[in-house]
């Protein structure tokens, strides 16, 4: 995404300077904020295309900032953490982060993550534009009772009510639905939906399944469509 605007939220001056320099060298416009409150103000006023967000911040921490922003906008968020516990990564995904990096990390890896997330946003926008301007649309749909998955519009509806899914939520649902009745392991789901290079761990699948159940199941605590197969993974029953 040419001239994309990236907001860096970090309280370490040396790291801010390094990130600022590296991202500007790649052609990005860079904004910075050193605490949670300033991050919210900058995001609301400057509407960045992507946010690099540290977890450990003065005032509001990164989890809370991410939780608030996710309710207000769909900007991709890459979380930075100095911790290595898987729980931090899972919490980050649960509050709406799209990606994360554990400190210390290489600038090369960060830039690759930034480019990948911005590329996804660009593709999603292009698909939406193409769908909106297409005069004659051939719509491919998957229908399971009152659940409809519209592949061309990337929309899901239950009993006629449209639910807007995040890109990976939609991809996960489509993969499960296309393999209806088949038990799919978490590792297989990770490979097919997130890609072999993703290193987020199988808990990522569990988090996204929980989000999907909240949107497509009549009772998420007793799922009938996405069924857990203990010790293995999930099976889609439709």
Protein backbone atom coordinates (compact mmCIF):
# COMPACT_ATOMS: atom_id res chain seq x y z
CA UNK A 1 0.00 0.00 0.00
CA UNK A 2 1.78 3.11 -1.27
CA UNK A 3 2.37 5.88 1.28
CA UNK A 4 0.57 3.88 3.97
CA UNK A 5 0.37 5.57 7.36
CA UNK A 6 1.77 3.53 10.27
CA UNK A 7 1.22 4.45 13.93
CA UNK A 8 3.95 3.23 16.32
CA UNK A 9 2.85 3.00 19.96
CA UNK A 10 5.94 2.41 22.10
CA UNK A 11 7.44 3.98 25.23
CA UNK A 12 11.10 3.14 24.57
CA UNK A 13 12.64 6.18 22.80
CA UNK A 14 15.45 4.16 21.21
CA UNK A 15 13.05 1.61 19.75
CA UNK A 16 10.69 4.35 18.51
CA UNK A 17 13.62 5.98 16.70
CA UNK A 18 14.69 2.69 15.12
CA UNK A 19 11.17 1.77 14.02
CA UNK A 20 10.55 5.27 12.71
CA UNK A 21 13.74 5.22 10.63
CA UNK A 22 13.19 1.69 9.27
CA UNK A 23 9.57 2.26 8.26
CA UNK A 24 10.22 5.66 6.69
CA UNK A 25 13.03 4.08 4.69
CA UNK A 26 10.41 1.70 3.26
CA UNK A 27 8.29 4.66 2.17
CA UNK A 28 5.72 4.66 4.98
CA UNK A 29 4.42 7.75 6.70
CA UNK A 30 5.10 7.26 10.42
CA UNK A 31 3.20 8.55 13.46
CA UNK A 32 4.27 7.88 17.04
CA UNK A 33 2.67 7.75 20.48
CA UNK A 34 4.36 6.96 23.78
CA UNK A 35 1.38 5.90 25.91
CA UNK A 36 -2.10 4.42 25.62
CA UNK A 37 -4.08 7.67 25.78
CA UNK A 38 -1.95 9.33 23.12
CA UNK A 39 -2.31 6.22 20.97
CA UNK A 40 -6.11 6.43 21.08
CA UNK A 41 -6.03 10.13 20.22
CA UNK A 42 -3.62 9.59 17.33
CA UNK A 43 -5.58 6.65 15.92
CA UNK A 44 -8.87 8.56 16.04
CA UNK A 45 -7.49 11.77 14.57
CA UNK A 46 -4.99 10.44 12.02
CA UNK A 47 -6.74 7.19 10.90
CA UNK A 48 -3.56 5.15 10.31
CA UNK A 49 -3.52 2.21 7.89
CA UNK A 50 -1.74 0.01 10.44
CA UNK A 51 -0.76 0.18 14.12
CA UNK A 52 2.34 -1.31 15.77
CA UNK A 53 1.31 -1.54 19.42
CA UNK A 54 3.46 -2.44 22.43
CA UNK A 55 1.72 -4.25 25.29
CA UNK A 56 3.63 -2.63 28.16
CA UNK A 57 2.66 1.05 28.10
CA UNK A 58 2.20 3.80 30.71
CA UNK A 59 -1.45 4.33 31.65
CA UNK A 60 -3.59 2.14 29.43
CA UNK A 61 -1.73 -1.00 28.41
CA UNK A 62 -1.65 -2.35 24.88
CA UNK A 63 -4.40 -4.90 25.53
CA UNK A 64 -6.85 -2.20 26.60
CA UNK A 65 -5.86 0.11 23.74
CA UNK A 66 -6.39 -2.74 21.27
CA UNK A 67 -9.76 -3.63 22.81
CA UNK A 68 -10.98 -0.03 22.52
CA UNK A 69 -9.71 0.50 18.98
CA UNK A 70 -11.16 -2.76 17.73
CA UNK A 71 -14.63 -1.53 18.68
CA UNK A 72 -14.09 1.66 16.67
CA UNK A 73 -12.12 0.66 13.59
CA UNK A 74 -10.80 -2.28 11.56
CA UNK A 75 -7.21 -1.08 11.23
CA UNK A 76 -4.73 -4.01 11.37
CA UNK A 77 -2.84 -4.13 14.68
CA UNK A 78 0.54 -5.80 15.25
CA UNK A 79 1.25 -6.23 18.96
CA UNK A 80 4.75 -6.15 20.43
CA UNK A 81 5.54 -8.01 23.63
CA UNK A 82 8.69 -8.57 25.67
CA UNK A 83 7.10 -11.62 27.22
CA UNK A 84 7.22 -15.14 25.84
CA UNK A 85 4.21 -16.68 27.59
CA UNK A 86 1.64 -18.04 25.16
CA UNK A 87 -1.14 -16.50 27.28
CA UNK A 88 -0.05 -12.99 26.23
CA UNK A 89 -0.29 -13.94 22.59
CA UNK A 90 -3.70 -15.53 23.08
CA UNK A 91 -5.00 -12.50 24.99
CA UNK A 92 -3.69 -10.26 22.23
CA UNK A 93 -5.66 -12.21 19.64
CA UNK A 94 -8.73 -12.27 21.86
CA UNK A 95 -8.83 -8.47 22.14
CA UNK A 96 -8.52 -8.11 18.39
CA UNK A 97 -4.84 -8.03 17.38
CA UNK A 98 -4.13 -9.30 13.87
CA UNK A 99 -0.50 -10.27 14.46
CA UNK A 100 2.23 -10.09 17.10
CA UNK A 101 6.00 -10.07 17.51
CA UNK A 102 8.02 -11.01 20.58
CA UNK A 103 10.94 -8.77 21.54
CA UNK A 104 13.70 -8.82 20.54
CA UNK A 105 12.81 -9.03 16.85
CA UNK A 106 14.57 -8.09 13.63
CA UNK A 107 13.51 -5.04 11.64
CA UNK A 108 13.35 -7.27 8.61
CA UNK A 109 10.71 -9.44 10.26
CA UNK A 110 8.69 -6.46 11.45
CA UNK A 111 8.69 -4.90 8.00
CA UNK A 112 7.62 -8.23 6.49
CA UNK A 113 4.68 -8.40 8.93
CA UNK A 114 3.74 -4.79 8.16
CA UNK A 115 3.79 -5.46 4.42
CA UNK A 116 1.78 -8.68 4.78
CA UNK A 117 -0.96 -7.05 6.86
CA UNK A 118 -1.20 -4.03 4.56
CA UNK A 119 -1.31 -6.34 1.55
CA UNK A 120 -4.24 -8.20 3.09
CA UNK A 121 -6.11 -4.94 3.64
CA UNK A 122 -5.44 -3.84 0.06
CA UNK A 123 -6.69 -7.14 -1.35
CA UNK A 124 -9.83 -7.01 0.80
CA UNK A 125 -10.55 -3.48 -0.43
CA UNK A 126 -10.00 -4.44 -4.05
CA UNK A 127 -12.32 -7.40 -3.69
CA UNK A 128 -14.98 -5.21 -2.09
CA UNK A 129 -14.66 -2.62 -4.86
CA UNK A 130 -14.82 -5.23 -7.58
CA UNK A 131 -17.91 -6.75 -5.98
CA UNK A 132 -19.60 -3.36 -5.68
CA UNK A 133 -18.91 -2.32 -9.28
CA UNK A 134 -19.54 -5.62 -10.99
CA UNK A 135 -22.61 -5.28 -13.25
CA UNK A 136 -23.34 -8.97 -13.57
CA UNK A 137 -22.33 -10.99 -10.54
CA UNK A 138 -22.24 -14.72 -10.37
CA UNK A 139 -22.68 -15.39 -6.66
CA UNK A 140 -21.31 -18.58 -5.20
CA UNK A 141 -23.04 -19.47 -1.96
CA UNK A 142 -22.89 -22.24 0.58
CA UNK A 143 -26.16 -22.77 2.43
CA UNK A 144 -26.59 -24.81 5.62
CA UNK A 145 -30.13 -24.31 6.92
CA UNK A 146 -30.39 -20.70 8.07
CA UNK A 147 -26.62 -20.17 7.62
CA UNK A 148 -25.51 -18.72 4.29
CA UNK A 149 -21.88 -18.15 3.29
CA UNK A 150 -21.60 -15.79 0.33
CA UNK A 151 -18.15 -16.43 -1.13
CA UNK A 152 -18.14 -13.65 -3.72
CA UNK A 153 -19.13 -10.97 -1.19
CA UNK A 154 -17.28 -12.59 1.73
CA UNK A 155 -20.39 -12.26 3.86
CA UNK A 156 -22.07 -14.60 6.32
CA UNK A 157 -25.72 -14.42 7.32
CA UNK A 158 -27.73 -16.30 9.92
CA UNK A 159 -31.53 -16.15 9.66
CA UNK A 160 -31.09 -13.30 7.20
CA UNK A 161 -28.91 -11.22 9.53
CA UNK A 162 -25.50 -10.38 8.07
CA UNK A 163 -22.48 -10.88 10.32
CA UNK A 164 -19.27 -9.08 9.36
CA UNK A 165 -16.37 -11.44 9.97
CA UNK A 166 -12.70 -10.60 10.16
CA UNK A 167 -10.76 -12.00 7.16
CA UNK A 168 -9.33 -14.99 9.02
CA UNK A 169 -12.69 -15.77 10.63
CA UNK A 170 -14.27 -15.94 7.18
CA UNK A 171 -11.42 -18.04 5.74
CA UNK A 172 -11.66 -20.43 8.68
CA UNK A 173 -15.43 -20.84 8.32
CA UNK A 174 -15.14 -21.51 4.58
CA UNK A 175 -12.41 -24.10 5.13
CA UNK A 176 -14.47 -25.89 7.78
CA UNK A 177 -17.65 -25.73 5.67
CA UNK A 178 -15.93 -27.08 2.56
CA UNK A 179 -14.84 -30.09 4.63
CA UNK A 180 -18.21 -30.71 6.23
CA UNK A 181 -18.33 -33.82 8.38
CA UNK A 182 -14.55 -34.30 8.36
CA UNK A 183 -12.50 -34.06 11.56
CA UNK A 184 -9.81 -31.44 11.00
CA UNK A 185 -6.81 -31.15 13.31
CA UNK A 186 -5.72 -27.79 14.64
CA UNK A 187 -2.37 -28.15 12.87
CA UNK A 188 -4.05 -28.79 9.53
CA UNK A 189 -6.35 -25.82 10.02
CA UNK A 190 -3.39 -23.59 10.89
CA UNK A 191 -1.52 -24.69 7.77
CA UNK A 192 -4.45 -24.26 5.37
CA UNK A 193 -5.95 -21.05 6.79
CA UNK A 194 -2.94 -19.18 8.25
CA UNK A 195 -0.16 -20.69 6.16
CA UNK A 196 2.87 -22.76 7.01
CA UNK A 197 4.95 -19.71 7.98
CA UNK A 198 2.56 -18.65 10.76
CA UNK A 199 4.03 -19.39 14.21
CA UNK A 200 1.16 -18.34 16.47
CA UNK A 201 0.34 -21.80 17.82
CA UNK A 202 -2.83 -23.89 17.81
CA UNK A 203 -4.56 -21.70 20.40
CA UNK A 204 -5.08 -19.23 17.56
CA UNK A 205 -7.53 -21.71 16.03
CA UNK A 206 -9.42 -22.08 19.31
CA UNK A 207 -9.77 -18.32 19.68
CA UNK A 208 -11.13 -17.87 16.15
CA UNK A 209 -13.51 -20.82 16.53
CA UNK A 210 -14.89 -19.21 19.69
CA UNK A 211 -15.43 -15.94 17.82
CA UNK A 212 -17.21 -17.80 15.00
CA UNK A 213 -19.46 -19.66 17.40
CA UNK A 214 -20.55 -16.37 18.96
CA UNK A 215 -21.73 -15.24 15.53
CA UNK A 216 -23.20 -18.34 13.89
CA UNK A 217 -24.34 -20.61 16.73
CA UNK A 218 -27.73 -20.13 18.39
CA UNK A 219 -26.08 -21.22 21.66
CA UNK A 220 -22.28 -20.76 21.56
CA UNK A 221 -21.90 -22.74 24.79
CA UNK A 222 -23.54 -25.77 23.09
CA UNK A 223 -22.32 -25.53 19.48
CA UNK A 224 -24.13 -27.55 16.83
CA UNK A 225 -22.35 -26.32 13.72
CA UNK A 226 -18.67 -26.24 14.71
CA UNK A 227 -18.19 -29.27 16.95
CA UNK A 228 -15.10 -29.87 19.07
CA UNK A 229 -13.43 -33.26 18.64
CA UNK A 230 -11.55 -33.66 21.90
CA UNK A 231 -7.79 -33.98 21.54
CA UNK A 232 -7.86 -33.46 17.75
CA UNK A 233 -9.64 -30.39 16.47
CA UNK A 234 -13.00 -29.52 14.97
CA UNK A 235 -15.71 -30.85 12.66
CA UNK A 236 -18.26 -28.73 10.80
CA UNK A 237 -21.76 -30.18 10.88
CA UNK A 238 -23.62 -27.34 9.16
